[in-house]
């Protein structure tokens, strides 16, 4: 659980791929009944950084094992961000080059928790309707956007950046200077400091763009 259990809870993902794409089933212990059950991919109700484990089973299940099904002939997803360009610079498409490219990109944008306290991405990239995305694009042509299917569009941390929060602080808590979705602790920040910053960011984005940004983390 300390290594793989969080993967289905959060449906972790990056650069167009998510854990749900390869998860076959999840075995978990129901705390109330002490019953061990196995949930299929569909029963896990995976969504964007979401699952049944963050909703109906939040605090009620302990994940014991995750079964993955991998393809012998995978279809690589490289058209997200700088991945394709980085992979080509490393010599072309291969598992090793994709791995090296993603690690390099992540390392360049995300703070090292051993140096600057953080929990990775704190906010979700907001997903809005096609109509709302088109409306915002007319006002902000440089706004990044990514189609997710079913008439929905994923926007980016650009919204937080455009509000002036990237690299800013509110007391000892702040937004990382290279990635607007990441909240950092500059030293001594309490949980209340983190929440105060997060609420301020959410309010600013809502007032300026009419878009609600949800937190990726669970608040107890």
Protein backbone atom coordinates (compact mmCIF):
# COMPACT_ATOMS: atom_id res chain seq x y z
CA UNK A 1 0.00 0.00 0.00
CA UNK A 2 2.86 2.40 0.67
CA UNK A 3 4.01 2.08 -2.91
CA UNK A 4 1.07 1.36 -5.22
CA UNK A 5 -2.05 2.00 -3.14
CA UNK A 6 -2.30 5.69 -3.95
CA UNK A 7 -2.28 5.07 -7.70
CA UNK A 8 -5.94 4.01 -7.99
CA UNK A 9 -7.12 6.39 -5.27
CA UNK A 10 -5.91 9.40 -7.20
CA UNK A 11 -6.02 7.77 -10.64
CA UNK A 12 -2.55 9.23 -11.01
CA UNK A 13 -1.51 10.41 -14.43
CA UNK A 14 0.51 12.78 -16.53
CA UNK A 15 1.01 13.72 -20.17
CA UNK A 16 -2.21 12.17 -21.44
CA UNK A 17 -1.94 8.82 -19.62
CA UNK A 18 -3.68 7.71 -16.42
CA UNK A 19 -3.50 4.72 -14.09
CA UNK A 20 -7.02 3.68 -15.11
CA UNK A 21 -5.75 2.95 -18.63
CA UNK A 22 -3.93 -0.15 -17.35
CA UNK A 23 -5.66 -1.07 -14.06
CA UNK A 24 -7.66 -4.30 -14.35
CA UNK A 25 -8.87 -4.52 -10.74
CA UNK A 26 -8.21 -3.31 -7.20
CA UNK A 27 -8.28 -5.50 -4.10
CA UNK A 28 -9.18 -3.69 -0.89
CA UNK A 29 -10.18 -4.27 2.72
CA UNK A 30 -13.45 -2.67 3.81
CA UNK A 31 -12.75 -1.28 7.27
CA UNK A 32 -16.33 -1.43 8.56
CA UNK A 33 -16.89 -5.11 7.77
CA UNK A 34 -13.27 -6.32 7.51
CA UNK A 35 -14.27 -7.92 4.24
CA UNK A 36 -11.78 -8.22 1.39
CA UNK A 37 -13.30 -7.35 -1.98
CA UNK A 38 -12.01 -6.98 -5.52
CA UNK A 39 -13.36 -4.10 -7.59
CA UNK A 40 -13.21 -4.09 -11.37
CA UNK A 41 -11.97 -1.08 -13.32
CA UNK A 42 -15.56 0.04 -13.91
CA UNK A 43 -16.49 -0.39 -10.26
CA UNK A 44 -13.61 1.90 -9.25
CA UNK A 45 -15.43 4.75 -11.05
CA UNK A 46 -12.24 6.36 -12.24
CA UNK A 47 -12.29 9.98 -13.34
CA UNK A 48 -9.79 12.80 -13.72
CA UNK A 49 -7.70 12.47 -10.53
CA UNK A 50 -10.72 10.79 -8.99
CA UNK A 51 -12.13 7.41 -8.03
CA UNK A 52 -14.61 5.70 -5.71
CA UNK A 53 -11.83 5.73 -3.09
CA UNK A 54 -12.05 9.53 -2.90
CA UNK A 55 -15.84 9.44 -2.70
CA UNK A 56 -18.06 6.61 -1.39
CA UNK A 57 -15.12 4.64 0.00
CA UNK A 58 -13.11 7.61 1.28
CA UNK A 59 -11.67 6.58 4.65
CA UNK A 60 -13.52 3.26 4.46
CA UNK A 61 -11.15 1.08 2.45
CA UNK A 62 -7.50 0.03 2.56
CA UNK A 63 -6.06 -0.91 -0.82
CA UNK A 64 -4.15 -4.19 -0.63
CA UNK A 65 -3.24 -4.91 -4.25
CA UNK A 66 -3.66 -3.55 -7.76
CA UNK A 67 -3.73 -5.72 -10.89
CA UNK A 68 -2.41 -4.11 -14.05
CA UNK A 69 -2.77 -5.32 -17.64
CA UNK A 70 -0.02 -4.11 -19.96
CA UNK A 71 0.06 -4.20 -23.77
CA UNK A 72 2.77 -6.04 -25.68
CA UNK A 73 2.45 -3.45 -28.44
CA UNK A 74 1.70 -0.18 -26.64
CA UNK A 75 0.45 2.94 -28.38
CA UNK A 76 2.58 5.76 -27.03
CA UNK A 77 0.99 9.13 -26.28
CA UNK A 78 3.57 11.77 -27.03
CA UNK A 79 1.54 14.77 -28.20
CA UNK A 80 1.22 16.36 -24.76
CA UNK A 81 3.40 19.24 -23.70
CA UNK A 82 7.07 18.89 -24.64
CA UNK A 83 7.22 15.09 -24.54
CA UNK A 84 7.49 14.43 -28.28
CA UNK A 85 10.19 17.07 -28.74
CA UNK A 86 12.20 15.75 -25.80
CA UNK A 87 11.93 12.15 -26.99
CA UNK A 88 13.17 13.08 -30.47
CA UNK A 89 16.11 14.95 -28.93
CA UNK A 90 17.05 11.78 -27.06
CA UNK A 91 17.14 9.70 -30.23
CA UNK A 92 13.55 8.71 -31.01
CA UNK A 93 10.71 6.67 -29.58
CA UNK A 94 11.59 3.93 -27.12
CA UNK A 95 10.46 3.12 -23.59
CA UNK A 96 13.81 4.24 -22.23
CA UNK A 97 13.76 7.57 -24.07
CA UNK A 98 10.16 8.29 -23.07
CA UNK A 99 11.04 7.57 -19.45
CA UNK A 100 14.10 9.81 -19.59
CA UNK A 101 12.13 12.60 -21.29
CA UNK A 102 9.30 12.58 -18.75
CA UNK A 103 11.71 12.50 -15.80
CA UNK A 104 13.66 15.42 -17.24
CA UNK A 105 10.51 17.49 -17.85
CA UNK A 106 9.11 16.78 -14.40
CA UNK A 107 12.42 17.53 -12.70
CA UNK A 108 12.66 20.88 -14.49
CA UNK A 109 9.18 21.97 -13.37
CA UNK A 110 8.58 20.39 -9.96
CA UNK A 111 10.42 21.23 -6.73
CA UNK A 112 12.43 18.57 -4.93
CA UNK A 113 10.55 17.85 -1.64
CA UNK A 114 13.89 17.29 0.06
CA UNK A 115 14.70 20.94 -0.64
CA UNK A 116 11.31 22.68 -0.68
CA UNK A 117 8.29 21.15 1.04
CA UNK A 118 5.47 20.24 -1.34
CA UNK A 119 3.01 17.49 -2.19
CA UNK A 120 3.29 17.65 -5.97
CA UNK A 121 0.34 19.03 -7.89
CA UNK A 122 -2.05 20.57 -5.37
CA UNK A 123 -4.70 21.75 -7.84
CA UNK A 124 -6.37 19.89 -10.68
CA UNK A 125 -6.27 21.26 -14.19
CA UNK A 126 -9.90 22.40 -14.60
CA UNK A 127 -12.13 20.64 -17.11
CA UNK A 128 -14.83 22.82 -18.69
CA UNK A 129 -17.40 22.58 -21.47
CA UNK A 130 -16.40 23.13 -25.10
CA UNK A 131 -18.50 26.30 -25.16
CA UNK A 132 -16.78 27.77 -22.10
CA UNK A 133 -13.35 26.89 -23.46
CA UNK A 134 -14.17 28.54 -26.80
CA UNK A 135 -15.40 31.67 -25.02
CA UNK A 136 -12.18 31.94 -22.99
CA UNK A 137 -10.02 31.25 -26.04
CA UNK A 138 -11.54 34.24 -27.82
CA UNK A 139 -10.50 36.47 -24.91
CA UNK A 140 -7.16 34.74 -24.29
CA UNK A 141 -5.83 33.22 -27.55
CA UNK A 142 -2.62 32.04 -25.85
CA UNK A 143 -4.50 29.92 -23.28
CA UNK A 144 -3.42 26.24 -23.43
CA UNK A 145 -6.27 23.75 -23.85
CA UNK A 146 -6.54 20.00 -24.31
CA UNK A 147 -9.58 18.12 -25.63
CA UNK A 148 -10.69 15.27 -23.35
CA UNK A 149 -13.64 13.96 -25.38
CA UNK A 150 -17.39 14.13 -24.75
CA UNK A 151 -17.42 17.85 -25.43
CA UNK A 152 -15.09 18.65 -22.52
CA UNK A 153 -11.81 20.57 -22.56
CA UNK A 154 -9.02 20.54 -19.99
CA UNK A 155 -7.44 23.89 -19.28
CA UNK A 156 -4.16 24.35 -17.41
CA UNK A 157 -2.36 25.98 -14.52
CA UNK A 158 -2.03 28.91 -16.92
CA UNK A 159 -5.17 30.34 -15.27
CA UNK A 160 -3.40 30.55 -11.91
CA UNK A 161 -0.31 31.94 -13.58
CA UNK A 162 -2.34 34.60 -15.39
CA UNK A 163 -3.82 35.71 -12.06
CA UNK A 164 -0.28 36.47 -10.90
CA UNK A 165 0.07 33.69 -8.34
CA UNK A 166 3.01 31.75 -9.76
CA UNK A 167 6.01 32.42 -7.53
CA UNK A 168 3.90 34.38 -5.03
CA UNK A 169 3.51 33.80 -1.30
CA UNK A 170 0.78 34.20 1.26
CA UNK A 171 2.67 33.99 4.52
CA UNK A 172 4.95 30.92 4.60
CA UNK A 173 2.92 29.13 1.92
CA UNK A 174 3.29 29.89 -1.75
CA UNK A 175 2.85 28.83 -5.36
CA UNK A 176 5.94 27.30 -6.96
CA UNK A 177 7.84 29.63 -9.27
CA UNK A 178 7.97 27.11 -12.14
CA UNK A 179 4.63 25.29 -11.81
CA UNK A 180 1.43 27.11 -10.88
CA UNK A 181 -0.40 23.95 -9.78
CA UNK A 182 2.11 23.25 -7.00
CA UNK A 183 1.77 24.68 -3.49
CA UNK A 184 5.01 24.88 -1.52
CA UNK A 185 5.97 25.38 2.11
CA UNK A 186 8.71 27.97 2.46
CA UNK A 187 9.14 27.04 6.12
CA UNK A 188 6.74 26.78 9.04
CA UNK A 189 3.50 26.75 7.04
CA UNK A 190 0.61 25.10 8.86
CA UNK A 191 -2.33 23.29 7.34
CA UNK A 192 -4.38 26.44 7.86
CA UNK A 193 -1.80 28.47 5.91
CA UNK A 194 -2.00 26.04 3.00
CA UNK A 195 -5.80 26.09 2.94
CA UNK A 196 -5.88 29.90 3.16
CA UNK A 197 -3.60 30.15 0.13
CA UNK A 198 -5.57 27.56 -1.81
CA UNK A 199 -8.88 29.33 -1.17
CA UNK A 200 -7.40 32.66 -2.26
CA UNK A 201 -6.15 31.15 -5.52
CA UNK A 202 -9.49 29.47 -6.19
CA UNK A 203 -11.38 32.72 -5.58
CA UNK A 204 -9.13 34.75 -7.88
CA UNK A 205 -9.45 32.26 -10.75
CA UNK A 206 -13.22 32.06 -10.32
CA UNK A 207 -13.63 35.84 -10.32
CA UNK A 208 -11.39 36.43 -13.33
CA UNK A 209 -12.24 33.47 -15.57
CA UNK A 210 -15.48 32.05 -14.17
CA UNK A 211 -13.71 28.70 -13.76
CA UNK A 212 -13.68 26.60 -10.60
CA UNK A 213 -10.32 25.00 -9.78
CA UNK A 214 -10.59 21.97 -7.51
CA UNK A 215 -7.92 20.71 -5.17
CA UNK A 216 -6.21 17.47 -6.12
CA UNK A 217 -5.43 16.59 -2.51
CA UNK A 218 -7.85 15.23 0.06
CA UNK A 219 -8.60 17.55 2.98
CA UNK A 220 -9.76 15.75 6.10
